[in-house]
Amino acid sequence: MIAKLEIDNFNLIIKKFNIMKSKIFLLMALFGIFMSCQQKNQTESPELLKQVLFDFSDGLKNKEKENDVKVYDIAELIAKAKGLS
């Protein structure tokens, strides 16, 4: 009878240990996912940030130039083709 109680207690301890292992594994997995989702700082130097901002503003200027389409009439196009203007 005592041996059966000891075996039952041992089995209960093993079950609790397995549950605890699975909880620890779940917590570690969640922590790993959380850490991998953190945003990394790509602009560590002020010079790099400055260059990115200048490139962005240059891109906006170029885009504005592309949107300013000049309308020519036929006479201007012919003069441009002949090199008169």
C-alpha atoms as a PDB file:
ATOM      1  CA  MET A   1       0.000   0.000   0.000  1.00  0.00           C
ATOM      2  CA  ILE A   2       2.808   2.401   0.884  1.00  0.00           C
ATOM      3  CA  ALA A   3       4.672   1.494  -2.288  1.00  0.00           C
ATOM      4  CA  LYS A   4       1.576   2.305  -4.353  1.00  0.00           C
ATOM      5  CA  LEU A   5       1.261   5.727  -2.665  1.00  0.00           C
ATOM      6  CA  GLU A   6       4.924   6.422  -3.323  1.00  0.00           C
ATOM      7  CA  ILE A   7       4.503   5.501  -7.003  1.00  0.00           C
ATOM      8  CA  ASP A   8       1.389   7.681  -7.246  1.00  0.00           C
ATOM      9  CA  ASN A   9       3.242  10.595  -5.612  1.00  0.00           C
ATOM     10  CA  PHE A  10       6.177  10.063  -7.958  1.00  0.00           C
ATOM     11  CA  ASN A  11       3.848  10.030 -10.996  1.00  0.00           C
ATOM     12  CA  LEU A  12       2.170  13.214  -9.719  1.00  0.00           C
ATOM     13  CA  ILE A  13       5.547  14.912  -9.327  1.00  0.00           C
ATOM     14  CA  ILE A  14       6.544  13.884 -12.870  1.00  0.00           C
ATOM     15  CA  LYS A  15       3.256  15.253 -14.289  1.00  0.00           C
ATOM     16  CA  LYS A  16       3.731  18.565 -12.455  1.00  0.00           C
ATOM     17  CA  PHE A  17       7.324  18.732 -13.673  1.00  0.00           C
ATOM     18  CA  ASN A  18       6.206  18.152 -17.281  1.00  0.00           C
ATOM     19  CA  ILE A  19       3.565  20.891 -16.959  1.00  0.00           C
ATOM     20  CA  MET A  20       6.159  23.225 -15.478  1.00  0.00           C
ATOM     21  CA  LYS A  21       8.579  22.419 -18.345  1.00  0.00           C
ATOM     22  CA  SER A  22       5.917  23.218 -20.916  1.00  0.00           C
ATOM     23  CA  LYS A  23       5.091  26.519 -19.186  1.00  0.00           C
ATOM     24  CA  ILE A  24       8.771  27.469 -19.072  1.00  0.00           C
ATOM     25  CA  PHE A  25       9.142  26.554 -22.743  1.00  0.00           C
ATOM     26  CA  LEU A  26       6.079  28.645 -23.623  1.00  0.00           C
ATOM     27  CA  LEU A  27       7.410  31.632 -21.691  1.00  0.00           C
ATOM     28  CA  MET A  28      10.803  31.325 -23.360  1.00  0.00           C
ATOM     29  CA  ALA A  29       9.175  31.099 -26.805  1.00  0.00           C
ATOM     30  CA  LEU A  30       7.027  34.169 -26.122  1.00  0.00           C
ATOM     31  CA  PHE A  31      10.061  36.066 -24.866  1.00  0.00           C
ATOM     32  CA  GLY A  32      11.982  35.101 -28.015  1.00  0.00           C
ATOM     33  CA  ILE A  33       9.158  36.264 -30.261  1.00  0.00           C
ATOM     34  CA  PHE A  34       8.887  39.517 -28.323  1.00  0.00           C
ATOM     35  CA  MET A  35      12.616  40.190 -28.630  1.00  0.00           C
ATOM     36  CA  SER A  36      12.664  39.416 -32.345  1.00  0.00           C
ATOM     37  CA  CYS A  37       9.829  41.882 -32.968  1.00  0.00           C
ATOM     38  CA  GLN A  38      11.725  44.794 -31.451  1.00  0.00           C
ATOM     39  CA  GLN A  39      12.569  47.551 -33.929  1.00  0.00           C
ATOM     40  CA  LYS A  40      16.250  47.860 -34.611  1.00  0.00           C
ATOM     41  CA  ASN A  41      17.895  51.278 -34.708  1.00  0.00           C
ATOM     42  CA  GLN A  42      19.177  51.632 -38.259  1.00  0.00           C
ATOM     43  CA  THR A  43      20.343  55.258 -37.990  1.00  0.00           C
ATOM     44  CA  GLU A  44      23.069  55.131 -35.403  1.00  0.00           C
ATOM     45  CA  SER A  45      25.119  58.063 -36.665  1.00  0.00           C
ATOM     46  CA  PRO A  46      23.864  61.621 -37.132  1.00  0.00           C
ATOM     47  CA  GLU A  47      25.692  61.854 -40.465  1.00  0.00           C
ATOM     48  CA  LEU A  48      23.756  58.892 -41.844  1.00  0.00           C
ATOM     49  CA  LEU A  49      20.472  60.437 -40.742  1.00  0.00           C
ATOM     50  CA  LYS A  50      21.485  63.741 -42.313  1.00  0.00           C
ATOM     51  CA  GLN A  51      22.284  61.997 -45.614  1.00  0.00           C
ATOM     52  CA  VAL A  52      18.928  60.202 -45.582  1.00  0.00           C
ATOM     53  CA  LEU A  53      17.080  63.487 -45.049  1.00  0.00           C
ATOM     54  CA  PHE A  54      19.017  65.207 -47.865  1.00  0.00           C
ATOM     55  CA  ASP A  55      18.304  62.322 -50.233  1.00  0.00           C
ATOM     56  CA  PHE A  56      14.625  62.482 -49.313  1.00  0.00           C
ATOM     57  CA  SER A  57      14.411  66.228 -49.970  1.00  0.00           C
ATOM     58  CA  ASP A  58      16.286  65.811 -53.289  1.00  0.00           C
ATOM     59  CA  GLY A  59      13.817  63.104 -54.268  1.00  0.00           C
ATOM     60  CA  LEU A  60      10.914  65.421 -53.530  1.00  0.00           C
ATOM     61  CA  LYS A  61      12.479  68.165 -55.642  1.00  0.00           C
ATOM     62  CA  ASN A  62      12.992  65.767 -58.549  1.00  0.00           C
ATOM     63  CA  LYS A  63       9.418  64.531 -58.262  1.00  0.00           C
ATOM     64  CA  GLU A  64       8.141  68.122 -58.359  1.00  0.00           C
ATOM     65  CA  LYS A  65      10.204  68.738 -61.517  1.00  0.00           C
ATOM     66  CA  GLU A  66       8.708  65.659 -63.163  1.00  0.00           C
ATOM     67  CA  ASN A  67       5.198  66.890 -62.377  1.00  0.00           C
ATOM     68  CA  ASP A  68       5.871  70.330 -63.945  1.00  0.00           C
ATOM     69  CA  VAL A  69       5.161  69.448 -67.535  1.00  0.00           C
ATOM     70  CA  LYS A  70       5.599  72.312 -69.910  1.00  0.00           C
ATOM     71  CA  VAL A  71       3.146  72.464 -72.774  1.00  0.00           C
ATOM     72  CA  TYR A  72       4.652  73.369 -76.151  1.00  0.00           C
ATOM     73  CA  ASP A  73       2.791  74.334 -79.246  1.00  0.00           C
ATOM     74  CA  ILE A  74       3.822  73.099 -82.688  1.00  0.00           C
ATOM     75  CA  ALA A  75       5.844  76.216 -83.578  1.00  0.00           C
ATOM     76  CA  GLU A  76       7.964  75.935 -80.423  1.00  0.00           C
ATOM     77  CA  LEU A  77       8.594  72.241 -81.042  1.00  0.00           C
ATOM     78  CA  ILE A  78       9.725  72.906 -84.632  1.00  0.00           C
ATOM     79  CA  ALA A  79      11.976  75.752 -83.459  1.00  0.00           C
ATOM     80  CA  LYS A  80      13.430  73.510 -80.738  1.00  0.00           C
ATOM     81  CA  ALA A  81      14.038  70.727 -83.235  1.00  0.00           C
ATOM     82  CA  LYS A  82      15.872  73.090 -85.584  1.00  0.00           C
ATOM     83  CA  GLY A  83      17.879  74.476 -82.665  1.00  0.00           C
ATOM     84  CA  LEU A  84      16.502  77.974 -82.957  1.00  0.00           C
ATOM     85  CA  SER A  85      15.456  78.323 -79.356  1.00  0.00           C
END
